[in-house]
Amino acid sequence: MSGVLIGTDRLRAHATLWYADARYRLAWLVLPQAAVALLAGLALALLKPAGEWGKPADSKENEKLYLDLLDKAGKDGDRAAFEKLKAGAEAGDVSARSFMGALYNPEWAALYAKNPVKPDAAKALTYYQKPADLGFPGAQRGMTELLLNRGRGQYDLKRGCRYGLAFHANPVAARNAYLDSWSTLYWIAGCYTDAESGVPRDPQKAADLYMDTVAAKLPLAVTTFTDELGRQPPDLVAAIQRNLAKRGFYTGPADGSATPQTRAAVQALAGRAAGPQTNPGTGNPGAGNSGAGNSGPGKPGTPPPATPPATPPASAPSVEALMALFKSATTNAADEAKLRSLAESGVSVAQYLYALLLSPANTEQRITAPDGLLARRYLERLAGEASFAPAAASAAFLFDIGGAGLQRDPGKAADMTIRALELKSTEILQNLEQDKWGVGFWAALQQRLADRNLYQGRVVDQRNDRTIQAARRLLGNP
């Protein structure tokens, strides 16, 4: 038994010194390893390990220091604080690396508005990786956010799911309220339903996570499982129905049918079961295993008090201000984050502009990667519920070209064209007259106009005068 204890002590000393002292790492590579192991055993008597076995020895001591530097750099624009934080990261301190990842993470650009460096998802991943591999929940969350969100340009489904599941299973994340990061949990849930994720398919686990995000009023989740419920796989819908039944919101069969009763239950869950959601999430963006990064009125490590879910601001910015924000969001990550936040809070014009920013139909250079699916959700909702004519026209263009995760659908393009004409969009009529539409669109539009007794003649997949005249009659401008 004593031999086992001595061996364990030497391993412990090796792990502690490996993370704590660069000179020891060099010696391990250069000198005979048996000699170095002996030195490690001797050093154990003199060195009091500061961290858990196999964890960075100086992490907990330095985390508060680096957190302070993070706030000074990101919130106050303190360049000297940034350089100190960067020096710590380059020296190998994992807390510093995690916080540097937060500074470069576009998801946190709105919080660190005075950041002396521009957000860069690729650099954020580079800084996050080591602390994430060592089990730091803030870094694991950062890796998940950037790798699973197509809009950040670093999409890697399998890798993102690996970090996401590690984050979700991390006991430190649970203890320090990191699992209240609803948008991150939304991305993780998708790992259980996507066949390409490398994760065994489990619709029930996905449904349970998705409904947690609905209960927390995450706008994307609420929209997906009300407006988009009919597009979800039946086994996922059945799992959602079982979850809603357990919560007491649903009494129907778990048959996988996207019924009005199921949608109503999801809406009731979103309206009644409030859950705190901060933006970008509870806890500190890069905090490590000690939880020191969580801010609050109590001691370090205490989660902040619950805040109500996002609601439309009492006084939304003017259209002119939103247009200016949209223009700058193409190159400024902080403004892109502000526009996204306004869209998620329910400001209709912001939703429209953010959808344009995401749309693959937008060919202008921009820092945000296209996301056809999210653009579609915003545009369809605005066209349907808000009767917003520009959104219907933009949705028609989007469905006609497809891309960025959205399959091209000439039929949906025709539906949105009809909707735009009903909403008196002269923009859509001008585009019809220019004839820049793809294969299948004209036949689909002619059929829909014929169903309304507005189009006479054969359905042919090409523009003709009868189609334009029928569109003008629907618009009310013959």
Protein backbone atom coordinates (compact mmCIF):
# COMPACT_ATOMS: atom_id res chain seq x y z
CA MET A 1 0.00 0.00 0.00
CA SER A 2 2.83 2.40 0.84
CA GLY A 3 4.27 1.87 -2.64
CA VAL A 4 0.93 2.86 -4.17
CA LEU A 5 0.80 6.01 -2.04
CA ILE A 6 4.34 6.97 -3.00
CA GLY A 7 3.50 6.45 -6.67
CA THR A 8 0.38 8.55 -6.31
CA ASP A 9 2.32 11.31 -4.59
CA ARG A 10 4.86 11.36 -7.40
CA LEU A 11 2.11 11.54 -10.01
CA ARG A 12 0.48 14.33 -8.08
CA ALA A 13 3.76 16.21 -7.85
CA HIS A 14 4.36 15.70 -11.55
CA ALA A 15 0.90 17.04 -12.44
CA THR A 16 1.26 20.04 -10.14
CA LEU A 17 4.71 20.98 -11.36
CA TRP A 18 3.82 20.37 -15.01
CA TYR A 19 1.11 23.02 -14.90
CA ALA A 20 2.88 25.36 -12.48
CA ASP A 21 6.43 25.61 -13.80
CA ALA A 22 7.56 25.94 -17.41
CA ARG A 23 11.12 24.99 -16.39
CA TYR A 24 9.86 21.67 -15.09
CA ARG A 25 8.13 20.95 -18.40
CA LEU A 26 11.39 21.67 -20.22
CA ALA A 27 13.33 19.42 -17.86
CA TRP A 28 10.86 16.60 -18.42
CA LEU A 29 11.48 16.76 -22.13
CA VAL A 30 15.28 17.12 -21.92
CA LEU A 31 16.47 15.14 -18.88
CA PRO A 32 15.94 11.41 -18.22
CA GLN A 33 12.35 11.15 -17.06
CA ALA A 34 13.16 8.89 -14.12
CA ALA A 35 15.43 11.56 -12.69
CA VAL A 36 12.79 14.22 -13.18
CA ALA A 37 10.18 12.04 -11.49
CA LEU A 38 12.51 11.66 -8.51
CA LEU A 39 12.93 15.44 -8.36
CA ALA A 40 9.16 15.77 -8.46
CA GLY A 41 8.82 13.48 -5.46
CA LEU A 42 11.37 15.52 -3.52
CA ALA A 43 9.69 18.77 -4.53
CA LEU A 44 6.37 17.56 -3.17
CA ALA A 45 7.71 17.96 0.35
CA LEU A 46 8.45 21.63 -0.34
CA LEU A 47 5.56 22.51 -2.64
CA LYS A 48 2.04 22.79 -1.33
CA PRO A 49 -0.23 22.14 -4.30
CA ALA A 50 -2.57 25.04 -4.89
CA GLY A 51 -5.05 23.26 -7.10
CA GLU A 52 -6.77 19.95 -7.58
CA TRP A 53 -4.78 17.05 -8.98
CA GLY A 54 -4.16 17.54 -12.66
CA LYS A 55 -5.55 21.09 -12.65
CA PRO A 56 -3.58 24.32 -13.14
CA ALA A 57 -2.02 25.00 -9.76
CA ASP A 58 -2.32 28.77 -9.95
CA SER A 59 -5.78 28.92 -11.51
CA LYS A 60 -7.90 29.73 -8.46
CA GLU A 61 -5.41 32.24 -7.10
CA ASN A 62 -5.12 34.15 -10.35
CA GLU A 63 -8.69 33.89 -11.57
CA LYS A 64 -9.96 36.91 -9.61
CA LEU A 65 -6.96 38.95 -10.73
CA TYR A 66 -7.52 38.11 -14.39
CA LEU A 67 -11.27 38.66 -14.07
CA ASP A 68 -10.56 42.19 -12.87
CA LEU A 69 -8.25 42.72 -15.84
CA LEU A 70 -10.95 41.39 -18.17
CA ASP A 71 -13.49 43.90 -16.88
CA LYS A 72 -11.03 46.78 -17.06
CA ALA A 73 -10.01 45.87 -20.60
CA GLY A 74 -13.45 45.07 -21.99
CA LYS A 75 -15.67 47.52 -20.12
CA ASP A 76 -13.26 50.42 -19.53
CA GLY A 77 -11.04 50.08 -22.59
CA ASP A 78 -7.92 49.82 -20.41
CA ARG A 79 -5.13 48.85 -22.79
CA ALA A 80 -2.64 48.20 -19.99
CA ALA A 81 -5.07 45.74 -18.38
CA PHE A 82 -5.47 44.01 -21.72
CA GLU A 83 -1.71 43.64 -22.13
CA LYS A 84 -1.40 42.13 -18.64
CA LEU A 85 -4.20 39.70 -19.38
CA LYS A 86 -2.63 38.80 -22.70
CA ALA A 87 0.77 38.26 -21.05
CA GLY A 88 -0.81 35.88 -18.56
CA ALA A 89 -2.52 33.97 -21.35
CA GLU A 90 0.68 33.68 -23.38
CA ALA A 91 2.50 32.49 -20.26
CA GLY A 92 0.07 29.59 -20.11
CA ASP A 93 -2.35 30.58 -17.35
CA VAL A 94 -5.61 28.90 -18.27
CA SER A 95 -7.82 31.46 -16.52
CA ALA A 96 -6.18 34.23 -18.53
CA ARG A 97 -6.61 32.22 -21.73
CA SER A 98 -10.29 31.69 -20.98
CA PHE A 99 -10.83 35.41 -20.36
CA MET A 100 -8.90 36.33 -23.51
CA GLY A 101 -11.26 34.04 -25.38
CA ALA A 102 -14.15 36.02 -23.93
CA LEU A 103 -12.68 39.30 -25.18
CA TYR A 104 -12.39 37.93 -28.70
CA ASN A 105 -15.75 36.12 -28.61
CA PRO A 106 -18.30 37.98 -30.81
CA GLU A 107 -21.10 36.68 -28.56
CA TRP A 108 -19.83 38.99 -25.80
CA ALA A 109 -19.14 42.06 -27.93
CA ALA A 110 -22.10 43.99 -26.52
CA LEU A 111 -20.94 43.41 -22.93
CA TYR A 112 -17.36 44.46 -23.68
CA ALA A 113 -18.21 47.47 -25.78
CA LYS A 114 -14.88 49.24 -25.09
CA ASN A 115 -12.82 46.19 -25.93
CA PRO A 116 -9.41 47.31 -27.27
CA VAL A 117 -9.43 44.45 -29.81
CA LYS A 118 -11.95 43.51 -32.46
CA PRO A 119 -13.95 40.34 -31.85
CA ASP A 120 -12.52 37.42 -33.77
CA ALA A 121 -14.17 34.01 -33.47
CA ALA A 122 -11.10 32.13 -34.70
CA LYS A 123 -8.83 33.78 -32.11
CA ALA A 124 -11.43 33.20 -29.41
CA LEU A 125 -11.41 29.47 -30.18
CA THR A 126 -7.62 29.40 -30.01
CA TYR A 127 -7.64 30.92 -26.53
CA TYR A 128 -10.60 28.87 -25.31
CA GLN A 129 -9.37 25.44 -26.34
CA LYS A 130 -6.83 24.67 -23.60
CA PRO A 131 -9.03 25.73 -20.65
CA ALA A 132 -11.99 23.99 -22.28
CA ASP A 133 -10.00 20.77 -22.57
CA LEU A 134 -9.11 21.10 -18.88
CA GLY A 135 -12.78 21.39 -17.89
CA PHE A 136 -13.27 25.14 -17.47
CA PRO A 137 -17.03 25.62 -18.02
CA GLY A 138 -16.79 29.20 -19.30
CA ALA A 139 -14.37 28.12 -22.00
CA GLN A 140 -16.43 25.02 -22.81
CA ARG A 141 -19.46 27.24 -23.25
CA GLY A 142 -17.49 29.61 -25.47
CA MET A 143 -16.34 26.74 -27.69
CA THR A 144 -19.92 25.49 -27.93
CA GLU A 145 -21.35 28.91 -28.82
CA LEU A 146 -18.86 29.53 -31.60
CA LEU A 147 -18.73 26.05 -33.11
CA LEU A 148 -22.49 25.37 -33.21
CA ASN A 149 -23.69 28.81 -34.31
CA ARG A 150 -23.48 29.01 -38.10
CA GLY A 151 -23.55 32.78 -37.89
CA ARG A 152 -20.04 32.92 -36.44
CA GLY A 153 -18.24 31.40 -39.42
CA GLN A 154 -16.53 28.63 -37.41
CA TYR A 155 -19.26 26.00 -37.63
CA ASP A 156 -18.05 22.50 -36.74
CA LEU A 157 -20.95 20.30 -35.68
CA LYS A 158 -19.09 17.30 -34.28
CA ARG A 159 -16.49 19.31 -32.44
CA GLY A 160 -19.07 21.74 -31.11
CA CYS A 161 -21.23 18.91 -29.83
CA ARG A 162 -18.28 17.31 -28.05
CA TYR A 163 -17.61 20.52 -26.14
CA GLY A 164 -21.32 21.16 -25.65
CA LEU A 165 -21.98 17.79 -24.04
CA ALA A 166 -18.88 18.18 -21.87
CA PHE A 167 -20.16 21.58 -20.75
CA HIS A 168 -23.62 20.23 -20.00
CA ALA A 169 -22.18 17.36 -17.93
CA ASN A 170 -19.69 19.57 -16.08
CA PRO A 171 -20.60 19.61 -12.35
CA VAL A 172 -18.90 22.98 -11.93
CA ALA A 173 -21.17 24.43 -14.61
CA ALA A 174 -24.20 23.19 -12.69
CA ARG A 175 -22.87 24.38 -9.34
CA ASN A 176 -22.17 27.91 -10.56
CA ALA A 177 -25.35 28.36 -12.62
CA TYR A 178 -23.65 28.24 -16.01
CA LEU A 179 -26.41 25.93 -17.20
CA ASP A 180 -28.75 28.92 -17.22
CA SER A 181 -27.06 29.86 -20.51
CA TRP A 182 -30.19 29.18 -22.49
CA SER A 183 -28.91 29.91 -25.98
CA THR A 184 -26.00 27.51 -25.42
CA LEU A 185 -28.38 24.79 -24.23
CA TYR A 186 -30.50 25.37 -27.33
CA TRP A 187 -27.50 24.59 -29.55
CA ILE A 188 -26.60 21.55 -27.44
CA ALA A 189 -30.12 20.13 -27.77
CA GLY A 190 -29.67 19.96 -31.53
CA CYS A 191 -26.76 17.55 -31.08
CA TYR A 192 -29.25 14.88 -30.02
CA THR A 193 -31.29 15.15 -33.23
CA ASP A 194 -28.74 15.88 -35.96
CA ALA A 195 -27.52 12.69 -37.62
CA GLU A 196 -24.19 14.33 -38.48
CA SER A 197 -23.35 15.35 -34.91
CA GLY A 198 -21.69 12.09 -33.89
CA VAL A 199 -24.00 11.94 -30.85
CA PRO A 200 -26.45 9.02 -30.48
CA ARG A 201 -29.90 10.24 -31.45
CA ASP A 202 -32.09 10.87 -28.41
CA PRO A 203 -35.22 12.94 -29.15
CA GLN A 204 -36.27 12.95 -25.51
CA LYS A 205 -33.03 14.51 -24.28
CA ALA A 206 -33.32 17.07 -27.05
CA ALA A 207 -36.95 17.82 -26.18
CA ASP A 208 -36.19 18.20 -22.48
CA LEU A 209 -33.45 20.74 -23.22
CA TYR A 210 -35.52 22.55 -25.82
CA MET A 211 -38.47 22.92 -23.45
CA ASP A 212 -36.16 24.26 -20.74
CA THR A 213 -35.18 27.03 -23.16
CA VAL A 214 -38.84 27.65 -24.02
CA ALA A 215 -39.65 27.93 -20.32
CA ALA A 216 -36.82 30.47 -20.06
CA LYS A 217 -38.49 32.44 -22.89
CA LEU A 218 -35.57 32.15 -25.30
CA PRO A 219 -37.08 33.85 -28.39
CA LEU A 220 -35.48 31.49 -30.90
CA ALA A 221 -36.81 28.44 -29.03
CA VAL A 222 -40.32 29.84 -28.66
CA THR A 223 -40.48 30.69 -32.37
CA THR A 224 -39.06 27.32 -33.45
CA PHE A 225 -41.54 25.26 -31.45
CA THR A 226 -44.62 27.33 -32.21
CA ASP A 227 -44.31 28.72 -35.75
CA GLU A 228 -41.94 25.96 -36.89
CA LEU A 229 -43.35 23.01 -34.94
CA GLY A 230 -44.74 21.36 -38.06
CA ARG A 231 -41.25 21.22 -39.59
CA GLN A 232 -39.80 19.21 -36.69
CA PRO A 233 -39.31 15.41 -36.88
CA PRO A 234 -42.34 13.51 -35.51
CA ASP A 235 -40.27 11.68 -32.87
CA LEU A 236 -39.04 15.03 -31.55
CA VAL A 237 -42.60 16.41 -31.49
CA ALA A 238 -43.74 13.30 -29.58
CA ALA A 239 -40.92 13.80 -27.08
CA ILE A 240 -41.94 17.46 -26.69
CA GLN A 241 -45.51 16.36 -26.03
CA ARG A 242 -44.30 13.98 -23.30
CA ASN A 243 -42.26 16.76 -21.73
CA LEU A 244 -45.19 19.17 -21.81
CA ALA A 245 -47.44 16.51 -20.28
CA LYS A 246 -45.02 16.03 -17.37
CA ARG A 247 -45.05 19.77 -16.79
CA GLY A 248 -48.85 19.81 -16.77
CA PHE A 249 -49.28 21.85 -19.96
CA TYR A 250 -50.50 19.12 -22.32
CA THR A 251 -53.15 16.42 -22.02
CA GLY A 252 -53.30 15.03 -25.55
CA PRO A 253 -51.59 11.98 -27.05
CA ALA A 254 -47.83 11.89 -27.65
CA ASP A 255 -48.35 10.98 -31.30
CA GLY A 256 -45.82 13.31 -32.93
CA SER A 257 -48.48 15.44 -34.63
CA ALA A 258 -47.90 19.20 -34.59
CA THR A 259 -51.44 19.96 -33.45
CA PRO A 260 -52.82 23.34 -32.37
CA GLN A 261 -53.09 21.89 -28.86
CA THR A 262 -49.35 21.17 -28.82
CA ARG A 263 -48.52 24.67 -30.05
CA ALA A 264 -50.81 26.15 -27.41
CA ALA A 265 -49.04 24.11 -24.73
CA VAL A 266 -45.64 25.42 -25.87
CA GLN A 267 -46.98 28.97 -25.80
CA ALA A 268 -48.41 28.42 -22.32
CA LEU A 269 -45.06 27.10 -21.12
CA ALA A 270 -43.32 30.19 -22.49
CA GLY A 271 -45.89 32.46 -20.85
CA ARG A 272 -46.17 30.83 -17.45
CA ALA A 273 -42.87 29.13 -16.63
CA ALA A 274 -40.57 32.11 -16.48
CA GLY A 275 -36.86 31.48 -16.20
CA PRO A 276 -33.99 33.93 -15.87
CA GLN A 277 -32.04 34.68 -19.00
CA THR A 278 -29.27 37.17 -19.13
CA ASN A 279 -27.48 38.07 -22.29
CA PRO A 280 -25.20 36.35 -23.08
CA GLY A 281 -25.84 34.11 -20.02
CA THR A 282 -25.54 33.71 -16.30
CA GLY A 283 -22.04 33.77 -14.87
CA ASN A 284 -18.84 35.12 -16.29
CA PRO A 285 -17.93 34.42 -19.90
CA GLY A 286 -14.57 32.89 -19.21
CA ALA A 287 -14.61 31.89 -15.56
CA GLY A 288 -12.96 28.66 -14.60
CA ASN A 289 -13.57 25.98 -12.03
CA SER A 290 -13.67 28.15 -8.93
CA GLY A 291 -16.72 30.12 -10.03
CA ALA A 292 -14.98 33.35 -9.12
CA GLY A 293 -16.20 34.95 -12.29
CA ASN A 294 -19.84 35.02 -11.22
CA SER A 295 -20.85 38.44 -10.07
CA GLY A 296 -23.44 39.25 -7.48
CA PRO A 297 -24.08 41.06 -4.23
CA GLY A 298 -22.68 38.21 -2.14
CA LYS A 299 -19.40 36.39 -2.03
CA PRO A 300 -17.51 35.43 -5.20
CA GLY A 301 -19.06 32.39 -6.80
CA THR A 302 -22.62 33.41 -5.95
CA PRO A 303 -24.78 33.48 -9.10
CA PRO A 304 -26.27 36.87 -9.88
CA PRO A 305 -29.91 37.46 -9.02
CA ALA A 306 -32.45 36.28 -11.56
CA THR A 307 -33.39 38.84 -14.16
CA PRO A 308 -36.64 38.85 -16.11
CA PRO A 309 -36.63 37.56 -19.67
CA ALA A 310 -36.02 40.04 -22.43
CA THR A 311 -39.04 42.11 -23.43
CA PRO A 312 -39.40 44.80 -26.06
CA PRO A 313 -37.90 48.02 -24.72
CA ALA A 314 -40.38 50.65 -23.59
CA SER A 315 -38.92 53.07 -26.11
CA ALA A 316 -37.47 51.31 -29.13
CA PRO A 317 -34.81 53.11 -31.17
CA SER A 318 -36.03 55.14 -34.11
CA VAL A 319 -36.02 53.66 -37.59
CA GLU A 320 -33.19 56.01 -38.50
CA ALA A 321 -31.13 54.83 -35.52
CA LEU A 322 -31.80 51.20 -36.41
CA MET A 323 -30.77 51.78 -40.02
CA ALA A 324 -27.52 53.35 -38.84
CA LEU A 325 -26.98 50.39 -36.51
CA PHE A 326 -27.64 47.98 -39.39
CA LYS A 327 -25.05 49.66 -41.59
CA SER A 328 -22.37 49.62 -38.91
CA ALA A 329 -23.24 46.03 -37.91
CA THR A 330 -21.74 44.78 -41.16
CA THR A 331 -18.25 45.58 -39.85
CA ASN A 332 -18.66 46.26 -36.12
CA ALA A 333 -19.23 43.22 -33.91
CA ALA A 334 -20.51 45.27 -30.97
CA ASP A 335 -23.18 46.89 -33.14
CA GLU A 336 -24.03 43.51 -34.66
CA ALA A 337 -24.61 42.20 -31.14
CA LYS A 338 -26.80 45.22 -30.30
CA LEU A 339 -28.91 44.68 -33.41
CA ARG A 340 -29.27 40.98 -32.62
CA SER A 341 -30.28 41.77 -29.03
CA LEU A 342 -32.97 44.19 -30.23
CA ALA A 343 -34.23 41.58 -32.69
CA GLU A 344 -34.41 38.93 -29.97
CA SER A 345 -36.25 41.34 -27.68
CA GLY A 346 -39.05 41.67 -30.25
CA VAL A 347 -38.38 44.97 -32.04
CA SER A 348 -39.92 44.33 -35.46
CA VAL A 349 -37.72 46.65 -37.51
CA ALA A 350 -34.63 45.22 -35.81
CA GLN A 351 -35.83 41.70 -36.62
CA TYR A 352 -36.24 42.66 -40.26
CA LEU A 353 -32.83 44.30 -40.48
CA TYR A 354 -31.10 41.47 -38.67
CA ALA A 355 -32.74 39.00 -41.06
CA LEU A 356 -31.34 41.01 -43.97
CA LEU A 357 -27.92 40.86 -42.35
CA LEU A 358 -28.17 37.06 -42.12
CA SER A 359 -29.78 36.45 -45.50
CA PRO A 360 -27.68 34.75 -48.20
CA ALA A 361 -29.42 37.12 -50.61
CA ASN A 362 -27.31 39.86 -49.05
CA THR A 363 -24.11 39.90 -51.12
CA GLU A 364 -22.41 42.76 -49.29
CA GLN A 365 -19.26 42.05 -47.30
CA ARG A 366 -20.08 41.54 -43.61
CA ILE A 367 -18.61 39.98 -40.49
CA THR A 368 -21.70 37.90 -39.73
CA ALA A 369 -21.88 34.56 -41.52
CA PRO A 370 -25.15 34.01 -43.44
CA ASP A 371 -27.84 31.94 -41.72
CA GLY A 372 -30.74 31.21 -44.05
CA LEU A 373 -32.80 29.33 -41.46
CA LEU A 374 -32.78 32.10 -38.87
CA ALA A 375 -33.40 34.75 -41.53
CA ARG A 376 -36.42 32.74 -42.72
CA ARG A 377 -37.87 32.50 -39.20
CA TYR A 378 -37.75 36.25 -38.69
CA LEU A 379 -39.06 37.13 -42.15
CA GLU A 380 -41.91 34.62 -42.17
CA ARG A 381 -43.05 35.70 -38.75
CA LEU A 382 -42.99 39.38 -39.67
CA ALA A 383 -44.84 38.72 -42.92
CA GLY A 384 -47.48 36.59 -41.20
CA GLU A 385 -48.07 38.04 -37.75
CA ALA A 386 -46.97 41.63 -38.26
CA SER A 387 -48.21 41.99 -41.87
CA PHE A 388 -44.88 43.60 -42.69
CA ALA A 389 -44.73 43.88 -46.48
CA PRO A 390 -40.94 44.32 -46.86
CA ALA A 391 -40.42 41.12 -44.88
CA ALA A 392 -42.70 39.18 -47.23
CA ALA A 393 -40.80 40.47 -50.27
CA SER A 394 -37.44 39.65 -48.70
CA ALA A 395 -38.68 36.18 -47.74
CA ALA A 396 -39.69 35.59 -51.37
CA PHE A 397 -36.18 36.44 -52.56
CA LEU A 398 -34.68 34.26 -49.82
CA PHE A 399 -36.72 31.18 -50.74
CA ASP A 400 -35.99 31.69 -54.43
CA ILE A 401 -32.22 31.49 -53.98
CA GLY A 402 -31.87 29.37 -50.82
CA GLY A 403 -28.46 28.85 -49.27
CA ALA A 404 -26.77 29.12 -45.85
CA GLY A 405 -28.65 26.10 -44.53
CA LEU A 406 -31.97 26.90 -46.22
CA GLN A 407 -33.14 24.71 -49.09
CA ARG A 408 -34.35 26.56 -52.17
CA ASP A 409 -38.15 26.36 -52.43
CA PRO A 410 -39.86 27.97 -55.46
CA GLY A 411 -43.29 27.18 -53.99
CA LYS A 412 -42.54 29.06 -50.78
CA ALA A 413 -41.06 31.89 -52.84
CA ALA A 414 -44.38 32.10 -54.70
CA ASP A 415 -46.35 32.01 -51.42
CA MET A 416 -44.32 34.90 -50.03
CA THR A 417 -44.74 36.80 -53.29
CA ILE A 418 -48.51 36.44 -52.99
CA ARG A 419 -48.30 37.61 -49.39
CA ALA A 420 -46.22 40.63 -50.39
CA LEU A 421 -48.72 41.54 -53.11
CA GLU A 422 -51.59 41.21 -50.63
CA LEU A 423 -49.70 43.59 -48.32
CA LYS A 424 -49.38 46.07 -51.23
CA SER A 425 -45.63 45.77 -51.73
CA THR A 426 -44.66 47.69 -54.85
CA GLU A 427 -41.10 46.40 -54.37
CA ILE A 428 -42.14 42.85 -55.19
CA LEU A 429 -43.94 43.99 -58.34
CA GLN A 430 -40.84 45.81 -59.55
CA ASN A 431 -38.79 42.66 -59.04
CA LEU A 432 -41.35 40.55 -60.90
CA GLU A 433 -41.06 42.89 -63.85
CA GLN A 434 -37.27 42.48 -63.86
CA ASP A 435 -37.53 38.69 -64.21
CA LYS A 436 -34.60 37.63 -62.01
CA TRP A 437 -36.30 34.57 -60.54
CA GLY A 438 -35.13 30.97 -60.57
CA VAL A 439 -36.40 27.76 -62.10
CA GLY A 440 -39.85 26.72 -60.95
CA PHE A 441 -40.85 30.09 -59.53
CA TRP A 442 -43.01 31.35 -62.39
CA ALA A 443 -44.98 28.11 -62.66
CA ALA A 444 -45.64 28.14 -58.90
CA LEU A 445 -46.70 31.80 -58.95
CA GLN A 446 -48.96 31.34 -61.97
CA GLN A 447 -50.70 28.41 -60.28
CA ARG A 448 -51.35 30.44 -57.13
CA LEU A 449 -52.67 33.38 -59.13
CA ALA A 450 -54.88 31.00 -61.14
CA ASP A 451 -56.27 29.57 -57.88
CA ARG A 452 -57.42 33.11 -57.09
CA ASN A 453 -59.00 33.49 -60.56
CA LEU A 454 -56.47 36.19 -61.41
CA TYR A 455 -54.39 34.35 -64.00
CA GLN A 456 -55.76 33.00 -67.26
CA GLY A 457 -53.85 30.71 -69.58
CA ARG A 458 -51.42 27.83 -69.42
CA VAL A 459 -49.09 27.45 -66.48
CA VAL A 460 -45.62 27.80 -67.96
CA ASP A 461 -42.41 28.32 -66.06
CA GLN A 462 -41.59 31.68 -67.58
CA ARG A 463 -42.55 35.28 -67.12
CA ASN A 464 -45.30 36.62 -69.38
CA ASP A 465 -47.57 39.64 -69.52
CA ARG A 466 -50.57 37.72 -68.15
CA THR A 467 -48.62 36.90 -64.98
CA ILE A 468 -47.63 40.53 -64.41
CA GLN A 469 -51.19 41.71 -65.06
CA ALA A 470 -52.53 39.17 -62.56
CA ALA A 471 -49.98 40.31 -59.98
CA ARG A 472 -51.00 43.93 -60.56
CA ARG A 473 -54.66 43.04 -59.99
CA LEU A 474 -53.80 41.36 -56.70
CA LEU A 475 -51.76 44.40 -55.69
CA GLY A 476 -54.68 46.64 -56.57
CA ASN A 477 -52.75 48.47 -59.26
CA PRO A 478 -54.09 47.10 -62.60
